[in-house]
Structures are given as structure tokens and as C-alpha cells.
C-alpha atoms as a PDB file:
ATOM      1  CA  MET A   1       5.529  -8.951  28.712  1.00  0.00           C
ATOM      2  CA  SER A   2       3.236  -5.958  29.005  1.00  0.00           C
ATOM      3  CA  GLU A   3       1.086  -4.731  26.159  1.00  0.00           C
ATOM      4  CA  ARG A   4       0.790  -1.032  25.454  1.00  0.00           C
ATOM      5  CA  ARG A   5      -1.693   0.826  23.306  1.00  0.00           C
ATOM      6  CA  VAL A   6      -0.144   2.323  20.163  1.00  0.00           C
ATOM      7  CA  VAL A   7      -1.301   5.806  19.177  1.00  0.00           C
ATOM      8  CA  LEU A   8      -0.230   7.920  16.210  1.00  0.00           C
ATOM      9  CA  THR A   9       0.125  11.664  16.574  1.00  0.00           C
ATOM     10  CA  ALA A  10      -1.600  13.874  14.025  1.00  0.00           C
ATOM     11  CA  GLU A  11       1.778  14.444  12.373  1.00  0.00           C
ATOM     12  CA  ALA A  12       2.477  10.695  12.146  1.00  0.00           C
ATOM     13  CA  ASP A  13      -0.964  10.210  10.638  1.00  0.00           C
ATOM     14  CA  ARG A  14      -0.156  12.847   8.001  1.00  0.00           C
ATOM     15  CA  ASP A  15       3.160  11.069   7.367  1.00  0.00           C
ATOM     16  CA  MET A  16       1.235   7.867   6.628  1.00  0.00           C
ATOM     17  CA  GLU A  17      -1.007   9.743   4.196  1.00  0.00           C
ATOM     18  CA  ARG A  18       2.070  11.152   2.446  1.00  0.00           C
ATOM     19  CA  VAL A  19       3.657   7.698   2.198  1.00  0.00           C
ATOM     20  CA  GLU A  20       0.466   6.288   0.708  1.00  0.00           C
ATOM     21  CA  ALA A  21       0.225   9.125  -1.829  1.00  0.00           C
ATOM     22  CA  TYR A  22       3.900   8.726  -2.751  1.00  0.00           C
ATOM     23  CA  VAL A  23       3.596   4.984  -3.428  1.00  0.00           C
ATOM     24  CA  ALA A  24       0.252   5.413  -5.203  1.00  0.00           C
ATOM     25  CA  GLU A  25       1.761   8.034  -7.495  1.00  0.00           C
ATOM     26  CA  ILE A  26       4.652   5.783  -8.492  1.00  0.00           C
ATOM     27  CA  TYR A  27       2.622   2.599  -8.836  1.00  0.00           C
ATOM     28  CA  ARG A  28      -1.154   2.461  -8.278  1.00  0.00           C
ATOM     29  CA  PRO A  29      -3.557   3.548  -5.537  1.00  0.00           C
ATOM     30  CA  GLU A  30      -3.988  -0.079  -4.414  1.00  0.00           C
ATOM     31  CA  ALA A  31      -0.225  -0.417  -4.009  1.00  0.00           C
ATOM     32  CA  GLY A  32      -0.170   2.640  -1.761  1.00  0.00           C
ATOM     33  CA  GLN A  33      -2.912   1.175   0.404  1.00  0.00           C
ATOM     34  CA  ARG A  34      -1.131  -2.196   0.702  1.00  0.00           C
ATOM     35  CA  TYR A  35       2.143  -0.489   1.518  1.00  0.00           C
ATOM     36  CA  VAL A  36       0.581   1.547   4.327  1.00  0.00           C
ATOM     37  CA  ARG A  37      -1.112  -1.581   5.727  1.00  0.00           C
ATOM     38  CA  ARG A  38       2.330  -3.175   5.951  1.00  0.00           C
ATOM     39  CA  LEU A  39       3.655  -0.099   7.765  1.00  0.00           C
ATOM     40  CA  TYR A  40       0.728  -0.273  10.194  1.00  0.00           C
ATOM     41  CA  SER A  41       1.500  -3.941  10.893  1.00  0.00           C
ATOM     42  CA  TYR A  42       5.079  -3.035  11.863  1.00  0.00           C
ATOM     43  CA  ILE A  43       3.824  -0.181  14.020  1.00  0.00           C
ATOM     44  CA  SER A  44       1.346  -2.464  15.785  1.00  0.00           C
ATOM     45  CA  GLU A  45       4.249  -4.684  16.887  1.00  0.00           C
ATOM     46  CA  LEU A  46       5.361  -1.821  19.117  1.00  0.00           C
ATOM     47  CA  SER A  47       2.505  -2.668  21.489  1.00  0.00           C
ATOM     48  CA  PHE A  48       4.682  -5.551  22.713  1.00  0.00           C
ATOM     49  CA  ALA A  49       8.194  -4.602  21.625  1.00  0.00           C
ATOM     50  CA  ALA A  50       8.539  -0.843  22.235  1.00  0.00           C
ATOM     51  CA  LYS A  51      10.523  -1.206  25.454  1.00  0.00           C
ATOM     52  CA  SER A  52      13.124  -3.366  23.698  1.00  0.00           C
ATOM     53  CA  PHE A  53      14.277  -0.408  21.582  1.00  0.00           C
ATOM     54  CA  PRO A  54      16.862   1.824  23.278  1.00  0.00           C
ATOM     55  CA  LEU A  55      16.583   5.594  23.478  1.00  0.00           C
ATOM     56  CA  SER A  56      17.746   7.016  20.182  1.00  0.00           C
ATOM     57  CA  ARG A  57      21.137   8.666  19.801  1.00  0.00           C
ATOM     58  CA  HIS A  58      20.042  10.398  16.583  1.00  0.00           C
ATOM     59  CA  LEU A  59      19.660  14.159  16.896  1.00  0.00           C
ATOM     60  CA  VAL A  60      16.828  14.133  14.368  1.00  0.00           C
ATOM     61  CA  ALA A  61      14.788  11.810  16.569  1.00  0.00           C
ATOM     62  CA  ARG A  62      15.638  13.612  19.803  1.00  0.00           C
ATOM     63  CA  ARG A  63      14.525  16.915  18.286  1.00  0.00           C
ATOM     64  CA  ILE A  64      11.130  15.340  17.710  1.00  0.00           C
ATOM     65  CA  HIS A  65      10.945  13.988  21.268  1.00  0.00           C
ATOM     66  CA  PRO A  66      13.669  13.972  23.955  1.00  0.00           C
ATOM     67  CA  GLU A  67      12.901  10.334  24.851  1.00  0.00           C
ATOM     68  CA  ALA A  68      12.585   9.158  21.246  1.00  0.00           C
ATOM     69  CA  ARG A  69      13.184   5.593  20.212  1.00  0.00           C
ATOM     70  CA  THR A  70      13.443   4.498  16.599  1.00  0.00           C
ATOM     71  CA  MET A  71      12.568   1.442  14.566  1.00  0.00           C
ATOM     72  CA  ALA A  72      13.735   1.094  10.959  1.00  0.00           C
ATOM     73  CA  VAL A  73      11.282  -0.774   8.727  1.00  0.00           C
ATOM     74  CA  MET A  74      11.052  -1.880   5.125  1.00  0.00           C
ATOM     75  CA  HIS A  75      14.597  -0.644   4.306  1.00  0.00           C
ATOM     76  CA  ARG A  76      13.231   2.846   3.792  1.00  0.00           C
ATOM     77  CA  TRP A  77      11.322   4.232   6.780  1.00  0.00           C
ATOM     78  CA  THR A  78      12.109   5.077  10.371  1.00  0.00           C
ATOM     79  CA  ILE A  79       9.352   5.040  12.958  1.00  0.00           C
ATOM     80  CA  ILE A  80      10.057   7.593  15.709  1.00  0.00           C
ATOM     81  CA  PHE A  81       8.150   6.907  18.914  1.00  0.00           C
ATOM     82  CA  HIS A  82       8.240   7.292  22.665  1.00  0.00           C
ATOM     83  CA  ILE A  83       6.668   5.482  25.585  1.00  0.00           C
ATOM     84  CA  TYR A  84       4.271   7.308  27.873  1.00  0.00           C
ATOM     85  CA  GLY A  85       2.882   5.106  30.638  1.00  0.00           C
ATOM     86  CA  ASP A  86       0.768   2.391  29.008  1.00  0.00           C
ATOM     87  CA  TYR A  87       0.999   4.046  25.592  1.00  0.00           C
ATOM     88  CA  VAL A  88       3.404   3.975  22.692  1.00  0.00           C
ATOM     89  CA  ILE A  89       3.157   7.320  20.959  1.00  0.00           C
ATOM     90  CA  VAL A  90       4.275   7.266  17.325  1.00  0.00           C
ATOM     91  CA  ASP A  91       5.567  10.769  16.717  1.00  0.00           C
ATOM     92  CA  ARG A  92       6.688  10.571  13.082  1.00  0.00           C
ATOM     93  CA  ILE A  93       7.356   8.246  10.171  1.00  0.00           C
ATOM     94  CA  ILE A  94      10.238   9.614   8.133  1.00  0.00           C
ATOM     95  CA  ALA A  95      12.526   8.444   5.356  1.00  0.00           C
ATOM     96  CA  SER A  96      15.461   6.609   6.911  1.00  0.00           C
ATOM     97  CA  LYS A  97      17.940   8.669   4.907  1.00  0.00           C
ATOM     98  CA  MET A  98      16.864  11.697   6.978  1.00  0.00           C
ATOM     99  CA  MET A  99      18.313  10.051  10.110  1.00  0.00           C
ATOM    100  CA  THR A 100      21.866  10.807   9.001  1.00  0.00           C
ATOM    101  CA  GLU A 101      21.610  14.450  10.072  1.00  0.00           C
END
């Protein structure tokens, strides 16, 4: 099993900031920070598991990247990523309900 380096795009990084702010607004700032740490732990698993996800059939994901793969996490979020050589590039983190388009 090969290990790849996981990198977030600037847009994915902004998505994480928005998720943290959203959770912090509903609950508390500490809850937002914990929630984002959990998201990061799921994302870090892609270093080993990215290749096991098939190319996405969702138009939303393919508009973001033509070779997009997706991973649904925490019953609410979809991680959109692609593989580039020894890297897993996380393109976006979006609400899973947006994947129905």
C-alpha cells in the first residue's frame, strides 16, 4: 500500500474555516475546533485510502475536477479530491446535500 501526501487547496482550506465558523456559531468555538479536527482526521486517511475510491459520477464533483473522487464523512460532508502522482489534492469540502445536483 503506497502512502500519498494529502494537500488542501486554498478553496478547501476556506471550506474548513467556514465549517468551523458554522459549528462554532451554533454551539461554541471549542466545538467548531473539535469538529474540524475530526474532519482533518478523516481527510488524513486519504493518504492510504484515496485510490480505493472510484472516480465520481456526480456532476458537481466533476465540475470541480474532471478526475474527482468523493468521500462522504460524518453524515453531512463530502470531501472532493483527486490524485496527482504522489499527492492527494483535496479540492473542496461541501455539504453532502449539494451532491444531488
